[in-house]
Amino acid sequence: MSYQDAATKRLSNLDLLAILIGQDKARGLSQKPLSVLFGMRMERQNTAVCENKPNYSPAATISAAKELVMRALSEDITQNPINLNNPVEVKKYL
């Protein structure tokens, strides 16, 4: 693991988001779960009645970062196949 990778792992979600989308936008989005930010699931509704639907969609930069990571993983797995049914191999890969 490189020094830069190790340093990045120590950053908070807010700091990582700030690198991607800037400090102001990151502050506003850092309260949301990462799975919601990356479009993996919808935000849970906390009220009984909701007249207005939230108009949130992942920021273009976050969507682009997600797509690049997905492509990189796909490319790497294609070139270096792993057994995705083996939890130990998957954990080691990730």
N, C-alpha and C. Protein backbone atom coordinates (compact mmCIF):
# COMPACT_ATOMS: atom_id res chain seq x y z
N MET A 1 0.85 -1.18 0.00
CA MET A 1 0.00 0.00 0.00
C MET A 1 0.89 1.24 0.00
N SER A 2 0.59 2.16 -0.89
CA SER A 2 1.41 3.36 -0.98
C SER A 2 1.08 4.33 0.15
N TYR A 3 1.97 5.29 0.36
CA TYR A 3 1.75 6.31 1.39
C TYR A 3 0.45 7.05 1.11
N GLN A 4 0.21 7.38 -0.16
CA GLN A 4 -1.00 8.12 -0.52
C GLN A 4 -2.25 7.31 -0.20
N ASP A 5 -2.24 5.99 -0.50
CA ASP A 5 -3.38 5.15 -0.18
C ASP A 5 -3.63 5.12 1.33
N ALA A 6 -2.57 4.98 2.10
CA ALA A 6 -2.69 4.95 3.56
C ALA A 6 -3.24 6.27 4.08
N ALA A 7 -2.77 7.38 3.54
CA ALA A 7 -3.24 8.69 3.97
C ALA A 7 -4.72 8.87 3.61
N THR A 8 -5.12 8.42 2.44
CA THR A 8 -6.51 8.55 2.01
C THR A 8 -7.43 7.74 2.90
N LYS A 9 -7.01 6.57 3.33
CA LYS A 9 -7.83 5.72 4.21
C LYS A 9 -8.12 6.40 5.54
N ARG A 10 -7.25 7.29 5.97
CA ARG A 10 -7.44 7.97 7.27
C ARG A 10 -8.36 9.18 7.16
N LEU A 11 -8.69 9.61 5.96
CA LEU A 11 -9.55 10.79 5.80
C LEU A 11 -11.00 10.45 6.16
N SER A 12 -11.71 11.44 6.66
CA SER A 12 -13.13 11.27 6.97
C SER A 12 -13.94 11.27 5.67
N ASN A 13 -15.19 10.84 5.76
CA ASN A 13 -16.07 10.90 4.59
C ASN A 13 -16.19 12.33 4.09
N LEU A 14 -16.31 13.28 5.02
CA LEU A 14 -16.40 14.69 4.64
C LEU A 14 -15.17 15.12 3.85
N ASP A 15 -13.99 14.75 4.32
CA ASP A 15 -12.76 15.13 3.62
C ASP A 15 -12.68 14.51 2.23
N LEU A 16 -13.07 13.25 2.12
CA LEU A 16 -13.04 12.58 0.81
C LEU A 16 -14.05 13.21 -0.15
N LEU A 17 -15.25 13.51 0.36
CA LEU A 17 -16.24 14.18 -0.48
C LEU A 17 -15.75 15.55 -0.92
N ALA A 18 -15.08 16.26 -0.03
CA ALA A 18 -14.56 17.60 -0.36
C ALA A 18 -13.55 17.52 -1.51
N ILE A 19 -12.76 16.47 -1.55
CA ILE A 19 -11.81 16.29 -2.65
C ILE A 19 -12.56 16.13 -3.96
N LEU A 20 -13.68 15.40 -3.92
CA LEU A 20 -14.45 15.14 -5.14
C LEU A 20 -15.29 16.33 -5.59
N ILE A 21 -16.01 16.94 -4.65
CA ILE A 21 -17.02 17.93 -5.06
C ILE A 21 -16.86 19.30 -4.41
N GLY A 22 -15.81 19.51 -3.63
CA GLY A 22 -15.60 20.80 -2.99
C GLY A 22 -16.18 20.84 -1.58
N GLN A 23 -15.60 21.69 -0.76
CA GLN A 23 -15.94 21.76 0.66
C GLN A 23 -17.41 22.12 0.91
N ASP A 24 -17.93 23.12 0.18
CA ASP A 24 -19.30 23.56 0.42
C ASP A 24 -20.33 22.47 0.14
N LYS A 25 -20.23 21.85 -1.04
CA LYS A 25 -21.17 20.77 -1.38
C LYS A 25 -20.98 19.58 -0.45
N ALA A 26 -19.74 19.29 -0.10
CA ALA A 26 -19.45 18.15 0.76
C ALA A 26 -20.11 18.32 2.12
N ARG A 27 -20.05 19.53 2.67
CA ARG A 27 -20.67 19.78 3.98
C ARG A 27 -22.16 19.45 3.95
N GLY A 28 -22.81 19.82 2.87
CA GLY A 28 -24.24 19.56 2.75
C GLY A 28 -24.59 18.09 2.57
N LEU A 29 -23.72 17.37 1.87
CA LEU A 29 -24.01 15.97 1.57
C LEU A 29 -23.44 14.98 2.57
N SER A 30 -22.53 15.42 3.41
CA SER A 30 -21.84 14.48 4.30
C SER A 30 -22.74 13.86 5.36
N GLN A 31 -23.92 14.42 5.56
CA GLN A 31 -24.85 13.87 6.55
C GLN A 31 -25.65 12.69 5.98
N LYS A 32 -25.61 12.51 4.66
CA LYS A 32 -26.33 11.42 4.03
C LYS A 32 -25.48 10.15 4.04
N PRO A 33 -26.11 8.99 4.13
CA PRO A 33 -25.35 7.74 4.04
C PRO A 33 -24.65 7.64 2.68
N LEU A 34 -23.46 7.07 2.66
CA LEU A 34 -22.72 6.93 1.41
C LEU A 34 -23.50 6.10 0.39
N SER A 35 -24.23 5.10 0.85
CA SER A 35 -25.01 4.27 -0.09
C SER A 35 -26.08 5.10 -0.80
N VAL A 36 -26.60 6.12 -0.15
CA VAL A 36 -27.56 7.02 -0.79
C VAL A 36 -26.82 7.96 -1.74
N LEU A 37 -25.70 8.51 -1.29
CA LEU A 37 -24.93 9.43 -2.14
C LEU A 37 -24.50 8.80 -3.45
N PHE A 38 -24.14 7.53 -3.39
CA PHE A 38 -23.66 6.84 -4.59
C PHE A 38 -24.78 6.17 -5.37
N GLY A 39 -26.04 6.43 -4.99
CA GLY A 39 -27.18 5.93 -5.74
C GLY A 39 -27.41 4.43 -5.60
N MET A 40 -26.90 3.83 -4.53
CA MET A 40 -27.07 2.40 -4.32
C MET A 40 -28.43 2.08 -3.70
N ARG A 41 -29.00 3.04 -3.02
CA ARG A 41 -30.34 2.87 -2.44
C ARG A 41 -30.97 4.24 -2.28
N MET A 42 -32.29 4.23 -2.10
CA MET A 42 -33.02 5.47 -1.90
C MET A 42 -32.94 5.85 -0.43
N GLU A 43 -33.08 7.14 -0.16
CA GLU A 43 -33.08 7.62 1.22
C GLU A 43 -34.38 7.19 1.89
N ARG A 44 -34.28 6.78 3.13
CA ARG A 44 -35.47 6.35 3.87
C ARG A 44 -36.33 7.55 4.21
N GLN A 45 -37.63 7.35 4.10
CA GLN A 45 -38.58 8.40 4.45
C GLN A 45 -38.79 8.37 5.96
N ASN A 46 -38.58 9.51 6.62
CA ASN A 46 -38.70 9.58 8.08
C ASN A 46 -40.01 10.17 8.55
N THR A 47 -40.85 10.61 7.63
CA THR A 47 -42.12 11.21 8.02
C THR A 47 -43.26 10.32 7.55
N ALA A 48 -44.41 10.46 8.20
CA ALA A 48 -45.57 9.65 7.83
C ALA A 48 -46.16 10.12 6.50
N VAL A 49 -46.17 11.42 6.29
CA VAL A 49 -46.72 11.98 5.06
C VAL A 49 -45.67 12.89 4.44
N CYS A 50 -45.50 12.74 3.16
CA CYS A 50 -44.52 13.57 2.46
C CYS A 50 -45.18 14.15 1.22
N GLU A 51 -45.47 15.44 1.25
CA GLU A 51 -46.13 16.06 0.11
C GLU A 51 -45.16 16.31 -1.04
N ASN A 52 -43.92 16.64 -0.71
CA ASN A 52 -42.93 16.92 -1.75
C ASN A 52 -41.87 15.84 -1.76
N LYS A 53 -41.61 15.30 -2.94
CA LYS A 53 -40.54 14.31 -3.05
C LYS A 53 -39.20 15.02 -3.00
N PRO A 54 -38.24 14.43 -2.28
CA PRO A 54 -36.91 15.04 -2.29
C PRO A 54 -36.34 14.96 -3.71
N ASN A 55 -35.68 16.03 -4.14
CA ASN A 55 -35.16 16.06 -5.51
C ASN A 55 -33.66 15.82 -5.53
N TYR A 56 -33.22 14.85 -4.75
CA TYR A 56 -31.79 14.57 -4.69
C TYR A 56 -31.40 13.51 -5.71
N SER A 57 -30.32 13.76 -6.40
CA SER A 57 -29.67 12.74 -7.22
C SER A 57 -28.17 12.93 -7.00
N PRO A 58 -27.40 11.86 -7.14
CA PRO A 58 -25.96 12.00 -6.88
C PRO A 58 -25.33 13.10 -7.73
N ALA A 59 -24.41 13.83 -7.14
CA ALA A 59 -23.69 14.87 -7.89
C ALA A 59 -22.98 14.21 -9.06
N ALA A 60 -22.85 14.93 -10.16
CA ALA A 60 -22.22 14.39 -11.36
C ALA A 60 -20.82 13.86 -11.07
N THR A 61 -20.08 14.56 -10.23
CA THR A 61 -18.72 14.12 -9.91
C THR A 61 -18.73 12.81 -9.15
N ILE A 62 -19.68 12.65 -8.22
CA ILE A 62 -19.79 11.41 -7.47
C ILE A 62 -20.20 10.27 -8.41
N SER A 63 -21.14 10.53 -9.30
CA SER A 63 -21.55 9.51 -10.26
C SER A 63 -20.39 9.11 -11.16
N ALA A 64 -19.60 10.08 -11.58
CA ALA A 64 -18.44 9.79 -12.43
C ALA A 64 -17.41 8.97 -11.67
N ALA A 65 -17.17 9.32 -10.41
CA ALA A 65 -16.20 8.57 -9.59
C ALA A 65 -16.68 7.14 -9.40
N LYS A 66 -17.96 6.96 -9.13
CA LYS A 66 -18.53 5.62 -8.97
C LYS A 66 -18.35 4.81 -10.24
N GLU A 67 -18.66 5.41 -11.38
CA GLU A 67 -18.54 4.71 -12.66
C GLU A 67 -17.10 4.31 -12.95
N LEU A 68 -16.16 5.20 -12.66
CA LEU A 68 -14.74 4.87 -12.88
C LEU A 68 -14.29 3.72 -11.99
N VAL A 69 -14.72 3.72 -10.73
CA VAL A 69 -14.35 2.62 -9.83
C VAL A 69 -14.96 1.31 -10.32
N MET A 70 -16.21 1.34 -10.76
CA MET A 70 -16.85 0.13 -11.27
C MET A 70 -16.12 -0.39 -12.50
N ARG A 71 -15.73 0.50 -13.39
CA ARG A 71 -15.00 0.09 -14.59
C ARG A 71 -13.63 -0.48 -14.23
N ALA A 72 -12.96 0.16 -13.27
CA ALA A 72 -11.63 -0.32 -12.85
C ALA A 72 -11.74 -1.72 -12.24
N LEU A 73 -12.75 -1.93 -11.39
CA LEU A 73 -12.95 -3.25 -10.78
C LEU A 73 -13.26 -4.30 -11.85
N SER A 74 -14.12 -3.96 -12.79
CA SER A 74 -14.47 -4.88 -13.86
C SER A 74 -13.25 -5.24 -14.70
N GLU A 75 -12.47 -4.23 -15.04
CA GLU A 75 -11.25 -4.44 -15.82
C GLU A 75 -10.26 -5.33 -15.07
N ASP A 76 -10.08 -5.07 -13.79
CA ASP A 76 -9.13 -5.83 -12.99
C ASP A 76 -9.58 -7.28 -12.83
N ILE A 77 -10.88 -7.48 -12.56
CA ILE A 77 -11.39 -8.84 -12.38
C ILE A 77 -11.32 -9.61 -13.70
N THR A 78 -11.51 -8.92 -14.82
CA THR A 78 -11.39 -9.58 -16.13
C THR A 78 -9.96 -10.05 -16.37
N GLN A 79 -9.00 -9.23 -16.00
CA GLN A 79 -7.60 -9.57 -16.23
C GLN A 79 -7.04 -10.50 -15.15
N ASN A 80 -7.56 -10.43 -13.95
CA ASN A 80 -7.09 -11.25 -12.82
C ASN A 80 -8.30 -11.86 -12.12
N PRO A 81 -8.90 -12.91 -12.70
CA PRO A 81 -10.13 -13.47 -12.14
C PRO A 81 -9.97 -13.93 -10.68
N ILE A 82 -11.04 -13.73 -9.92
CA ILE A 82 -11.08 -14.23 -8.54
C ILE A 82 -12.38 -15.01 -8.37
N ASN A 83 -12.42 -15.86 -7.38
CA ASN A 83 -13.62 -16.62 -7.07
C ASN A 83 -14.52 -15.76 -6.18
N LEU A 84 -15.55 -15.18 -6.77
CA LEU A 84 -16.44 -14.29 -6.02
C LEU A 84 -17.32 -15.05 -5.03
N ASN A 85 -17.32 -16.38 -5.09
CA ASN A 85 -18.08 -17.18 -4.13
C ASN A 85 -17.27 -17.49 -2.89
N ASN A 86 -16.02 -17.08 -2.87
CA ASN A 86 -15.14 -17.33 -1.73
C ASN A 86 -14.97 -16.02 -0.95
N PRO A 87 -15.62 -15.90 0.22
CA PRO A 87 -15.56 -14.65 0.98
C PRO A 87 -14.14 -14.20 1.33
N VAL A 88 -13.25 -15.14 1.57
CA VAL A 88 -11.87 -14.78 1.91
C VAL A 88 -11.18 -14.11 0.72
N GLU A 89 -11.38 -14.67 -0.48
CA GLU A 89 -10.78 -14.07 -1.68
C GLU A 89 -11.36 -12.70 -1.96
N VAL A 90 -12.67 -12.56 -1.80
CA VAL A 90 -13.32 -11.27 -2.05
C VAL A 90 -12.81 -10.23 -1.07
N LYS A 91 -12.72 -10.59 0.21
CA LYS A 91 -12.22 -9.64 1.22
C LYS A 91 -10.79 -9.24 0.91
N LYS A 92 -9.97 -10.20 0.52
CA LYS A 92 -8.57 -9.91 0.19
C LYS A 92 -8.50 -8.99 -1.04
N TYR A 93 -9.38 -9.22 -2.01
CA TYR A 93 -9.40 -8.41 -3.22
C TYR A 93 -9.79 -6.96 -2.91
N LEU A 94 -10.83 -6.81 -2.09
CA LEU A 94 -11.31 -5.47 -1.78
C LEU A 94 -10.39 -4.77 -0.81
